[in-house]
Amino acid sequence: MQRWARGPNLTATVVWIDPTYVVATSYDIVVDAETEVTQYKPPLSRPLRPGAWTVRLLQFWEPLGETRFLVLPLTFNRKLPLRKDDASWLHAGPPHNEYMEQSFQGLSGILNLPQPEPAEEAARLHAELTGPELEAWTDRELSSFWSVAGLCAMGSSTCPSLELCRLTSWSSLFPDPKSELGPVKTDGRLR
């Protein structure tokens, strides 16, 4: 989904790049002056290759913006820890690196993408991981995208520096008077 500020009509190109620098898809979005939100979910062939994906937004092949998102590897399949024979195909990306019927690899030069060989070798090794090694790789990938902003304790804790969650403003256990409803008053109001 893309959110747009008001401005002149434009055509933007959206490019999706997988962790091995395969250009998975590219498409244009026409943004009218009145358009506020656009969305398009490309029908990419599965399985998606796990790792950090990049989406670039371009106009006339000049960068407007870029974001990254994480596709996590499966650690379980059918409620059981992932087996090596399942991992090798579930984490390898689609057959022949073809996410769409049409190939977009010709764009890699225009997009100035790095040489794919080191990333391909890393992806091949990651596709074979199972058990603790797979979980460690998953944790490393996740930690590159997220970090703990704060901690709180639900009840009493042996750690004196942990504040109780009910006293921590960002916690879902913190009281929210706006969401607490009492009985209806005689004048028909709730507050």
N, C-alpha and C. Protein backbone atom coordinates (compact mmCIF):
# COMPACT_ATOMS: atom_id res chain seq x y z
N MET A 1 0.85 -1.16 0.00
CA MET A 1 0.00 0.00 0.00
C MET A 1 0.90 1.23 0.00
N GLN A 2 0.52 2.21 -0.78
CA GLN A 2 1.27 3.46 -0.84
C GLN A 2 0.32 4.60 -0.49
N ARG A 3 0.80 5.53 0.34
CA ARG A 3 0.04 6.72 0.70
C ARG A 3 0.71 7.90 0.02
N TRP A 4 -0.09 8.73 -0.66
CA TRP A 4 0.45 9.83 -1.46
C TRP A 4 -0.01 11.17 -0.92
N ALA A 5 0.85 12.16 -1.01
CA ALA A 5 0.47 13.54 -0.70
C ALA A 5 -0.14 14.14 -1.96
N ARG A 6 -0.95 15.16 -1.82
CA ARG A 6 -1.56 15.79 -2.98
C ARG A 6 -0.48 16.44 -3.83
N GLY A 7 -0.64 16.31 -5.12
CA GLY A 7 0.34 16.88 -6.04
C GLY A 7 -0.06 16.59 -7.47
N PRO A 8 0.83 16.87 -8.41
CA PRO A 8 0.50 16.63 -9.81
C PRO A 8 0.42 15.14 -10.12
N ASN A 9 -0.26 14.82 -11.22
CA ASN A 9 -0.32 13.43 -11.67
C ASN A 9 1.09 12.91 -11.89
N LEU A 10 1.29 11.63 -11.59
CA LEU A 10 2.59 11.03 -11.86
C LEU A 10 2.44 9.54 -12.09
N THR A 11 3.43 8.97 -12.73
CA THR A 11 3.52 7.53 -12.89
C THR A 11 4.76 7.08 -12.14
N ALA A 12 4.58 6.19 -11.19
CA ALA A 12 5.70 5.68 -10.39
C ALA A 12 5.90 4.21 -10.72
N THR A 13 7.14 3.78 -10.69
CA THR A 13 7.48 2.38 -10.92
C THR A 13 7.83 1.75 -9.58
N VAL A 14 7.24 0.60 -9.30
CA VAL A 14 7.51 -0.14 -8.08
C VAL A 14 8.28 -1.40 -8.46
N VAL A 15 9.41 -1.63 -7.80
CA VAL A 15 10.26 -2.79 -8.10
C VAL A 15 10.48 -3.58 -6.82
N TRP A 16 10.22 -4.89 -6.87
CA TRP A 16 10.42 -5.78 -5.74
C TRP A 16 11.68 -6.61 -6.00
N ILE A 17 12.60 -6.64 -5.03
CA ILE A 17 13.87 -7.33 -5.18
C ILE A 17 14.03 -8.32 -4.03
N ASP A 18 14.31 -9.58 -4.37
CA ASP A 18 14.43 -10.60 -3.32
C ASP A 18 15.83 -10.56 -2.69
N PRO A 19 16.09 -11.36 -1.66
CA PRO A 19 17.38 -11.29 -0.96
C PRO A 19 18.61 -11.65 -1.80
N THR A 20 18.41 -12.31 -2.95
CA THR A 20 19.54 -12.66 -3.82
C THR A 20 19.62 -11.73 -5.02
N TYR A 21 18.98 -10.59 -4.93
CA TYR A 21 18.97 -9.56 -5.98
C TYR A 21 18.26 -10.02 -7.25
N VAL A 22 17.32 -10.94 -7.10
CA VAL A 22 16.43 -11.28 -8.21
C VAL A 22 15.34 -10.21 -8.24
N VAL A 23 15.14 -9.59 -9.40
CA VAL A 23 14.06 -8.63 -9.55
C VAL A 23 12.78 -9.45 -9.71
N ALA A 24 12.02 -9.55 -8.63
CA ALA A 24 10.84 -10.41 -8.61
C ALA A 24 9.73 -9.86 -9.50
N THR A 25 9.52 -8.55 -9.46
CA THR A 25 8.49 -7.93 -10.30
C THR A 25 8.74 -6.43 -10.39
N SER A 26 8.13 -5.84 -11.38
CA SER A 26 8.16 -4.39 -11.57
C SER A 26 6.85 -4.00 -12.23
N TYR A 27 6.26 -2.92 -11.76
CA TYR A 27 5.00 -2.46 -12.34
C TYR A 27 4.87 -0.96 -12.11
N ASP A 28 4.05 -0.34 -12.94
CA ASP A 28 3.82 1.10 -12.84
C ASP A 28 2.50 1.37 -12.12
N ILE A 29 2.49 2.44 -11.36
CA ILE A 29 1.28 2.92 -10.70
C ILE A 29 1.02 4.33 -11.20
N VAL A 30 -0.18 4.56 -11.71
CA VAL A 30 -0.58 5.90 -12.13
C VAL A 30 -1.25 6.57 -10.94
N VAL A 31 -0.71 7.71 -10.53
CA VAL A 31 -1.23 8.43 -9.36
C VAL A 31 -1.82 9.74 -9.84
N ASP A 32 -3.15 9.85 -9.75
CA ASP A 32 -3.84 11.09 -10.12
C ASP A 32 -3.69 12.10 -8.99
N ALA A 33 -3.95 13.35 -9.30
CA ALA A 33 -3.82 14.44 -8.32
C ALA A 33 -4.67 14.19 -7.07
N GLU A 34 -5.81 13.53 -7.23
CA GLU A 34 -6.72 13.30 -6.10
C GLU A 34 -6.44 12.00 -5.36
N THR A 35 -5.55 11.16 -5.86
CA THR A 35 -5.29 9.86 -5.26
C THR A 35 -4.57 10.02 -3.93
N GLU A 36 -5.08 9.36 -2.91
CA GLU A 36 -4.42 9.39 -1.60
C GLU A 36 -3.75 8.06 -1.28
N VAL A 37 -4.36 6.95 -1.71
CA VAL A 37 -3.83 5.63 -1.40
C VAL A 37 -3.91 4.76 -2.65
N THR A 38 -2.84 4.03 -2.91
CA THR A 38 -2.86 3.01 -3.97
C THR A 38 -2.39 1.70 -3.34
N GLN A 39 -2.85 0.62 -3.91
CA GLN A 39 -2.37 -0.68 -3.42
C GLN A 39 -2.42 -1.69 -4.55
N TYR A 40 -1.46 -2.58 -4.52
CA TYR A 40 -1.40 -3.66 -5.49
C TYR A 40 -0.54 -4.75 -4.87
N LYS A 41 -1.06 -5.94 -4.83
CA LYS A 41 -0.31 -7.08 -4.32
C LYS A 41 0.08 -7.93 -5.53
N PRO A 42 1.35 -7.91 -5.91
CA PRO A 42 1.73 -8.68 -7.09
C PRO A 42 1.56 -10.18 -6.84
N PRO A 43 1.09 -10.90 -7.84
CA PRO A 43 0.88 -12.35 -7.68
C PRO A 43 2.19 -13.12 -7.84
N LEU A 44 3.06 -13.01 -6.86
CA LEU A 44 4.37 -13.65 -6.92
C LEU A 44 4.25 -15.16 -6.73
N SER A 45 5.02 -15.91 -7.51
CA SER A 45 5.05 -17.36 -7.35
C SER A 45 5.68 -17.71 -6.01
N ARG A 46 5.16 -18.74 -5.40
CA ARG A 46 5.65 -19.20 -4.11
C ARG A 46 6.59 -20.38 -4.33
N PRO A 47 7.44 -20.71 -3.41
CA PRO A 47 7.65 -20.03 -2.14
C PRO A 47 8.54 -18.80 -2.30
N LEU A 48 8.28 -17.79 -1.48
CA LEU A 48 9.14 -16.61 -1.47
C LEU A 48 10.45 -16.98 -0.77
N ARG A 49 11.54 -16.45 -1.27
CA ARG A 49 12.84 -16.72 -0.65
C ARG A 49 12.93 -15.94 0.67
N PRO A 50 13.25 -16.63 1.78
CA PRO A 50 13.37 -15.93 3.06
C PRO A 50 14.55 -14.96 3.06
N GLY A 51 14.40 -13.92 3.85
CA GLY A 51 15.46 -12.92 3.99
C GLY A 51 14.90 -11.53 3.81
N ALA A 52 15.81 -10.56 3.69
CA ALA A 52 15.43 -9.15 3.56
C ALA A 52 15.11 -8.83 2.11
N TRP A 53 13.87 -8.44 1.86
CA TRP A 53 13.41 -8.02 0.54
C TRP A 53 13.47 -6.49 0.48
N THR A 54 13.58 -5.97 -0.73
CA THR A 54 13.62 -4.52 -0.94
C THR A 54 12.53 -4.14 -1.92
N VAL A 55 11.82 -3.07 -1.64
CA VAL A 55 10.87 -2.49 -2.59
C VAL A 55 11.34 -1.07 -2.88
N ARG A 56 11.56 -0.80 -4.15
CA ARG A 56 12.00 0.54 -4.57
C ARG A 56 10.88 1.23 -5.32
N LEU A 57 10.75 2.52 -5.07
CA LEU A 57 9.79 3.36 -5.77
C LEU A 57 10.59 4.32 -6.63
N LEU A 58 10.31 4.32 -7.93
CA LEU A 58 11.08 5.10 -8.89
C LEU A 58 10.16 5.96 -9.74
N GLN A 59 10.71 7.05 -10.24
CA GLN A 59 10.03 7.85 -11.26
C GLN A 59 11.07 8.17 -12.33
N PHE A 60 10.77 7.79 -13.55
CA PHE A 60 11.73 7.92 -14.65
C PHE A 60 13.05 7.23 -14.28
N TRP A 61 12.95 6.11 -13.59
CA TRP A 61 14.08 5.28 -13.16
C TRP A 61 15.00 5.99 -12.17
N GLU A 62 14.53 7.07 -11.59
CA GLU A 62 15.26 7.75 -10.52
C GLU A 62 14.59 7.40 -9.19
N PRO A 63 15.37 7.11 -8.15
CA PRO A 63 14.77 6.68 -6.88
C PRO A 63 13.95 7.78 -6.20
N LEU A 64 12.76 7.39 -5.76
CA LEU A 64 11.91 8.25 -4.92
C LEU A 64 11.95 7.76 -3.48
N GLY A 65 12.06 6.45 -3.32
CA GLY A 65 12.06 5.88 -1.98
C GLY A 65 12.37 4.40 -2.02
N GLU A 66 12.64 3.86 -0.85
CA GLU A 66 12.97 2.44 -0.74
C GLU A 66 12.60 1.98 0.65
N THR A 67 12.09 0.76 0.74
CA THR A 67 11.83 0.15 2.04
C THR A 67 12.25 -1.30 1.98
N ARG A 68 12.48 -1.85 3.14
CA ARG A 68 12.84 -3.26 3.24
C ARG A 68 11.84 -3.95 4.15
N PHE A 69 11.59 -5.22 3.87
CA PHE A 69 10.75 -6.02 4.75
C PHE A 69 11.33 -7.42 4.82
N LEU A 70 10.95 -8.13 5.84
CA LEU A 70 11.53 -9.43 6.12
C LEU A 70 10.54 -10.54 5.81
N VAL A 71 11.00 -11.53 5.06
CA VAL A 71 10.26 -12.78 4.88
C VAL A 71 10.99 -13.80 5.74
N LEU A 72 10.32 -14.24 6.80
CA LEU A 72 10.95 -15.19 7.72
C LEU A 72 10.88 -16.61 7.17
N PRO A 73 11.92 -17.40 7.42
CA PRO A 73 11.86 -18.81 7.02
C PRO A 73 10.90 -19.57 7.92
N LEU A 74 10.36 -20.65 7.40
CA LEU A 74 9.52 -21.52 8.21
C LEU A 74 10.42 -22.35 9.12
N THR A 75 10.07 -22.44 10.37
CA THR A 75 10.82 -23.33 11.27
C THR A 75 10.00 -24.59 11.57
N PHE A 76 8.70 -24.53 11.26
CA PHE A 76 7.83 -25.68 11.43
C PHE A 76 7.01 -25.88 10.16
N ASN A 77 6.67 -27.12 9.87
CA ASN A 77 5.81 -27.46 8.74
C ASN A 77 4.86 -28.55 9.21
N ARG A 78 3.58 -28.31 9.10
CA ARG A 78 2.55 -29.24 9.56
C ARG A 78 2.74 -29.59 11.05
N LYS A 79 3.01 -28.55 11.85
CA LYS A 79 3.14 -28.64 13.31
C LYS A 79 4.36 -29.43 13.77
N LEU A 80 5.28 -29.74 12.86
CA LEU A 80 6.49 -30.46 13.21
C LEU A 80 7.70 -29.62 12.83
N PRO A 81 8.82 -29.78 13.56
CA PRO A 81 10.03 -29.05 13.17
C PRO A 81 10.37 -29.34 11.70
N LEU A 82 10.83 -28.33 11.02
CA LEU A 82 11.13 -28.44 9.59
C LEU A 82 12.21 -29.48 9.35
N ARG A 83 11.95 -30.37 8.38
CA ARG A 83 12.94 -31.39 8.00
C ARG A 83 13.80 -30.86 6.87
N LYS A 84 14.98 -31.42 6.73
CA LYS A 84 15.95 -30.95 5.74
C LYS A 84 15.39 -31.01 4.32
N ASP A 85 14.68 -32.09 3.97
CA ASP A 85 14.14 -32.20 2.61
C ASP A 85 13.04 -31.17 2.35
N ASP A 86 12.28 -30.79 3.38
CA ASP A 86 11.28 -29.73 3.22
C ASP A 86 11.95 -28.36 3.13
N ALA A 87 12.97 -28.13 3.97
CA ALA A 87 13.65 -26.83 4.00
C ALA A 87 14.26 -26.50 2.66
N SER A 88 14.84 -27.50 2.00
CA SER A 88 15.57 -27.23 0.76
C SER A 88 14.67 -26.68 -0.33
N TRP A 89 13.39 -27.05 -0.35
CA TRP A 89 12.52 -26.47 -1.38
C TRP A 89 11.67 -25.32 -0.85
N LEU A 90 11.31 -25.33 0.44
CA LEU A 90 10.50 -24.25 0.99
C LEU A 90 11.27 -22.93 1.09
N HIS A 91 12.60 -23.01 1.23
CA HIS A 91 13.41 -21.81 1.43
C HIS A 91 14.25 -21.45 0.21
N ALA A 92 14.04 -22.13 -0.90
CA ALA A 92 14.89 -21.91 -2.08
C ALA A 92 14.32 -20.87 -3.03
N GLY A 93 13.14 -20.36 -2.76
CA GLY A 93 12.50 -19.45 -3.71
C GLY A 93 11.80 -20.26 -4.79
N PRO A 94 11.15 -19.58 -5.73
CA PRO A 94 10.41 -20.31 -6.77
C PRO A 94 11.37 -20.99 -7.75
N PRO A 95 10.88 -22.01 -8.45
CA PRO A 95 11.73 -22.68 -9.44
C PRO A 95 12.29 -21.69 -10.46
N HIS A 96 13.58 -21.83 -10.75
CA HIS A 96 14.29 -21.00 -11.74
C HIS A 96 14.24 -19.51 -11.38
N ASN A 97 14.02 -19.18 -10.12
CA ASN A 97 13.95 -17.77 -9.68
C ASN A 97 12.88 -16.98 -10.42
N GLU A 98 11.83 -17.63 -10.86
CA GLU A 98 10.77 -16.97 -11.62
C GLU A 98 9.58 -16.69 -10.70
N TYR A 99 9.53 -15.47 -10.20
CA TYR A 99 8.42 -15.07 -9.34
C TYR A 99 7.18 -14.74 -10.15
N MET A 100 7.37 -14.40 -11.41
CA MET A 100 6.26 -14.06 -12.31
C MET A 100 6.52 -14.79 -13.63
N GLU A 101 5.49 -14.84 -14.49
CA GLU A 101 5.68 -15.46 -15.80
C GLU A 101 6.71 -14.69 -16.62
N GLN A 102 6.75 -13.39 -16.43
CA GLN A 102 7.69 -12.54 -17.15
C GLN A 102 8.93 -12.33 -16.28
N SER A 103 10.12 -12.37 -16.88
CA SER A 103 11.35 -12.12 -16.14
C SER A 103 11.66 -10.62 -16.14
N PHE A 104 12.11 -10.14 -14.99
CA PHE A 104 12.47 -8.73 -14.84
C PHE A 104 13.97 -8.56 -14.59
N GLN A 105 14.75 -9.63 -14.78
CA GLN A 105 16.18 -9.58 -14.49
C GLN A 105 16.93 -8.57 -15.34
N GLY A 106 16.38 -8.22 -16.50
CA GLY A 106 17.02 -7.21 -17.34
C GLY A 106 17.13 -5.86 -16.64
N LEU A 107 16.34 -5.66 -15.59
CA LEU A 107 16.36 -4.38 -14.87
C LEU A 107 17.51 -4.29 -13.86
N SER A 108 18.18 -5.40 -13.58
CA SER A 108 19.20 -5.38 -12.52
C SER A 108 20.33 -4.40 -12.84
N GLY A 109 20.68 -4.24 -14.11
CA GLY A 109 21.71 -3.27 -14.48
C GLY A 109 21.23 -1.84 -14.28
N ILE A 110 20.00 -1.56 -14.69
CA ILE A 110 19.42 -0.22 -14.52
C ILE A 110 19.32 0.13 -13.04
N LEU A 111 19.00 -0.88 -12.22
CA LEU A 111 18.82 -0.67 -10.78
C LEU A 111 20.15 -0.68 -10.03
N ASN A 112 21.23 -0.96 -10.73
CA ASN A 112 22.56 -0.97 -10.11
C ASN A 112 22.66 -1.98 -8.98
N LEU A 113 22.10 -3.17 -9.18
CA LEU A 113 22.12 -4.19 -8.13
C LEU A 113 23.51 -4.83 -8.05
N PRO A 114 23.93 -5.24 -6.86
CA PRO A 114 25.23 -5.90 -6.71
C PRO A 114 25.24 -7.25 -7.43
N GLN A 115 26.42 -7.80 -7.59
CA GLN A 115 26.55 -9.13 -8.17
C GLN A 115 25.83 -10.12 -7.26
N PRO A 116 25.02 -11.00 -7.83
CA PRO A 116 24.19 -11.87 -6.99
C PRO A 116 24.90 -13.08 -6.40
N GLU A 117 26.05 -13.46 -6.91
CA GLU A 117 26.66 -14.72 -6.52
C GLU A 117 26.86 -14.89 -5.01
N PRO A 118 27.43 -13.91 -4.29
CA PRO A 118 27.58 -14.11 -2.83
C PRO A 118 26.23 -14.28 -2.13
N ALA A 119 25.24 -13.51 -2.52
CA ALA A 119 23.91 -13.62 -1.90
C ALA A 119 23.26 -14.95 -2.26
N GLU A 120 23.46 -15.41 -3.50
CA GLU A 120 22.91 -16.70 -3.91
C GLU A 120 23.52 -17.84 -3.11
N GLU A 121 24.83 -17.79 -2.89
CA GLU A 121 25.50 -18.83 -2.11
C GLU A 121 25.01 -18.82 -0.67
N ALA A 122 24.87 -17.64 -0.08
CA ALA A 122 24.35 -17.55 1.29
C ALA A 122 22.92 -18.10 1.35
N ALA A 123 22.09 -17.76 0.37
CA ALA A 123 20.71 -18.25 0.34
C ALA A 123 20.67 -19.77 0.18
N ARG A 124 21.57 -20.31 -0.63
CA ARG A 124 21.62 -21.77 -0.82
C ARG A 124 21.96 -22.45 0.50
N LEU A 125 22.93 -21.91 1.23
CA LEU A 125 23.30 -22.48 2.53
C LEU A 125 22.17 -22.33 3.54
N HIS A 126 21.50 -21.18 3.55
CA HIS A 126 20.38 -20.97 4.47
C HIS A 126 19.22 -21.91 4.17
N ALA A 127 19.02 -22.24 2.90
CA ALA A 127 17.91 -23.12 2.51
C ALA A 127 18.08 -24.53 3.05
N GLU A 128 19.28 -24.89 3.45
CA GLU A 128 19.55 -26.24 3.97
C GLU A 128 19.42 -26.31 5.49
N LEU A 129 19.28 -25.16 6.15
CA LEU A 129 19.28 -25.14 7.61
C LEU A 129 18.00 -25.74 8.20
N THR A 130 18.17 -26.44 9.31
CA THR A 130 17.05 -26.96 10.10
C THR A 130 17.44 -26.88 11.58
N GLY A 131 16.48 -27.11 12.44
CA GLY A 131 16.75 -27.19 13.87
C GLY A 131 17.33 -25.92 14.46
N PRO A 132 18.26 -26.06 15.41
CA PRO A 132 18.83 -24.88 16.09
C PRO A 132 19.53 -23.91 15.14
N GLU A 133 20.15 -24.42 14.08
CA GLU A 133 20.82 -23.53 13.12
C GLU A 133 19.81 -22.66 12.39
N LEU A 134 18.67 -23.24 12.01
CA LEU A 134 17.61 -22.48 11.35
C LEU A 134 17.03 -21.44 12.30
N GLU A 135 16.81 -21.83 13.55
CA GLU A 135 16.28 -20.89 14.54
C GLU A 135 17.26 -19.75 14.80
N ALA A 136 18.56 -20.05 14.83
CA ALA A 136 19.57 -19.01 15.05
C ALA A 136 19.58 -18.03 13.87
N TRP A 137 19.48 -18.55 12.64
CA TRP A 137 19.45 -17.67 11.47
C TRP A 137 18.19 -16.80 11.50
N THR A 138 17.06 -17.41 11.84
CA THR A 138 15.80 -16.66 11.94
C THR A 138 15.93 -15.54 12.97
N ASP A 139 16.51 -15.85 14.12
CA ASP A 139 16.69 -14.84 15.16
C ASP A 139 17.61 -13.71 14.69
N ARG A 140 18.69 -14.05 13.98
CA ARG A 140 19.60 -13.01 13.47
C ARG A 140 18.87 -12.10 12.48
N GLU A 141 18.11 -12.71 11.56
CA GLU A 141 17.37 -11.91 10.57
C GLU A 141 16.38 -10.99 11.28
N LEU A 142 15.66 -11.55 12.23
CA LEU A 142 14.64 -10.78 12.94
C LEU A 142 15.27 -9.64 13.74
N SER A 143 16.41 -9.91 14.37
CA SER A 143 17.04 -8.87 15.18
C SER A 143 17.57 -7.72 14.33
N SER A 144 17.79 -7.95 13.04
CA SER A 144 18.24 -6.85 12.19
C SER A 144 17.08 -5.92 11.81
N PHE A 145 15.85 -6.35 12.07
CA PHE A 145 14.68 -5.54 11.76
C PHE A 145 13.99 -4.99 13.00
N TRP A 146 14.16 -5.65 14.13
CA TRP A 146 13.44 -5.27 15.34
C TRP A 146 14.39 -5.21 16.51
N SER A 147 14.07 -4.37 17.47
CA SER A 147 14.81 -4.35 18.73
C SER A 147 13.80 -4.09 19.84
N VAL A 148 14.13 -4.55 21.01
CA VAL A 148 13.25 -4.37 22.16
C VAL A 148 13.34 -2.91 22.59
N ALA A 149 12.20 -2.26 22.66
CA ALA A 149 12.16 -0.85 23.06
C ALA A 149 12.02 -0.70 24.56
N GLY A 150 11.41 -1.68 25.20
CA GLY A 150 11.23 -1.59 26.63
C GLY A 150 10.69 -2.88 27.19
N LEU A 151 10.85 -3.04 28.48
CA LEU A 151 10.37 -4.23 29.18
C LEU A 151 9.55 -3.80 30.39
N CYS A 152 8.61 -4.65 30.75
CA CYS A 152 7.87 -4.43 31.98
C CYS A 152 7.48 -5.79 32.53
N ALA A 153 7.11 -5.83 33.79
CA ALA A 153 6.74 -7.08 34.44
C ALA A 153 5.24 -7.11 34.67
N MET A 154 4.64 -8.28 34.42
CA MET A 154 3.19 -8.42 34.62
C MET A 154 2.85 -8.51 36.11
N GLY A 155 3.76 -9.04 36.88
CA GLY A 155 3.56 -9.16 38.32
C GLY A 155 4.85 -8.80 39.03
N SER A 156 4.92 -9.16 40.29
CA SER A 156 6.14 -8.84 41.04
C SER A 156 7.33 -9.55 40.40
N SER A 157 8.48 -8.86 40.43
CA SER A 157 9.67 -9.37 39.78
C SER A 157 10.87 -9.27 40.71
N THR A 158 11.81 -10.18 40.56
CA THR A 158 13.04 -10.11 41.35
C THR A 158 13.99 -9.06 40.80
N CYS A 159 13.67 -8.53 39.63
CA CYS A 159 14.48 -7.47 39.03
C CYS A 159 13.88 -6.12 39.41
N PRO A 160 14.52 -5.36 40.29
CA PRO A 160 13.93 -4.11 40.77
C PRO A 160 13.80 -3.02 39.70
N SER A 161 14.57 -3.12 38.62
CA SER A 161 14.49 -2.07 37.60
C SER A 161 13.31 -2.25 36.65
N LEU A 162 12.62 -3.40 36.71
CA LEU A 162 11.45 -3.60 35.85
C LEU A 162 10.22 -2.97 36.48
N GLU A 163 9.63 -2.04 35.75
CA GLU A 163 8.40 -1.40 36.21
C GLU A 163 7.23 -2.34 35.91
N LEU A 164 6.19 -2.26 36.71
CA LEU A 164 5.00 -3.07 36.46
C LEU A 164 4.32 -2.59 35.18
N CYS A 165 3.83 -3.53 34.38
CA CYS A 165 3.18 -3.17 33.11
C CYS A 165 1.97 -2.27 33.32
N ARG A 166 1.23 -2.48 34.40
CA ARG A 166 0.05 -1.65 34.63
C ARG A 166 0.42 -0.20 34.95
N LEU A 167 1.73 0.06 35.21
CA LEU A 167 2.21 1.42 35.48
C LEU A 167 3.03 1.98 34.31
N THR A 168 3.13 1.23 33.23
CA THR A 168 3.95 1.61 32.08
C THR A 168 3.04 2.07 30.94
N SER A 169 3.17 3.32 30.54
CA SER A 169 2.20 3.93 29.61
C SER A 169 2.10 3.22 28.26
N TRP A 170 3.15 2.57 27.78
CA TRP A 170 3.08 1.93 26.47
C TRP A 170 2.51 0.52 26.54
N SER A 171 2.31 -0.01 27.72
CA SER A 171 1.84 -1.38 27.88
C SER A 171 0.33 -1.49 27.65
N SER A 172 -0.09 -2.62 27.09
CA SER A 172 -1.53 -2.84 26.91
C SER A 172 -2.22 -3.08 28.25
N LEU A 173 -1.47 -3.31 29.30
CA LEU A 173 -2.05 -3.47 30.64
C LEU A 173 -2.22 -2.14 31.36
N PHE A 174 -1.71 -1.06 30.80
CA PHE A 174 -1.85 0.28 31.38
C PHE A 174 -3.32 0.69 31.28
N PRO A 175 -3.90 1.27 32.33
CA PRO A 175 -5.32 1.64 32.28
C PRO A 175 -5.61 2.64 31.15
N ASP A 176 -6.72 2.44 30.50
CA ASP A 176 -7.14 3.33 29.41
C ASP A 176 -8.55 3.81 29.73
N PRO A 177 -8.68 4.97 30.38
CA PRO A 177 -10.01 5.43 30.80
C PRO A 177 -10.96 5.67 29.63
N LYS A 178 -10.42 5.92 28.43
CA LYS A 178 -11.30 6.16 27.28
C LYS A 178 -12.05 4.90 26.87
N SER A 179 -11.50 3.74 27.19
CA SER A 179 -12.15 2.51 26.77
C SER A 179 -12.96 1.86 27.88
N GLU A 180 -12.97 2.45 29.05
CA GLU A 180 -13.74 1.90 30.15
C GLU A 180 -15.12 2.54 30.18
N LEU A 181 -16.14 1.74 30.03
CA LEU A 181 -17.50 2.24 30.00
C LEU A 181 -18.21 1.87 31.30
N GLY A 182 -18.91 2.81 31.84
CA GLY A 182 -19.69 2.56 33.04
C GLY A 182 -21.17 2.51 32.68
N PRO A 183 -22.02 2.56 33.68
CA PRO A 183 -23.45 2.54 33.40
C PRO A 183 -23.89 3.84 32.72
N VAL A 184 -25.00 3.76 32.00
CA VAL A 184 -25.55 4.93 31.32
C VAL A 184 -26.15 5.86 32.38
N LYS A 185 -25.81 7.15 32.28
CA LYS A 185 -26.31 8.14 33.24
C LYS A 185 -27.76 8.50 32.92
N THR A 186 -28.41 9.17 33.85
CA THR A 186 -29.82 9.52 33.67
C THR A 186 -30.04 10.43 32.47
N ASP A 187 -29.00 11.20 32.09
CA ASP A 187 -29.15 12.07 30.92
C ASP A 187 -28.82 11.34 29.61
N GLY A 188 -28.56 10.03 29.68
CA GLY A 188 -28.29 9.24 28.48
C GLY A 188 -26.82 9.19 28.09
N ARG A 189 -25.97 9.86 28.86
CA ARG A 189 -24.54 9.87 28.53
C ARG A 189 -23.80 8.75 29.26
N LEU A 190 -22.64 8.38 28.68
CA LEU A 190 -21.80 7.38 29.32
C LEU A 190 -20.80 8.01 30.28
N ARG A 191 -20.45 9.29 30.05
CA ARG A 191 -19.45 9.96 30.91
C ARG A 191 -20.02 11.22 31.48
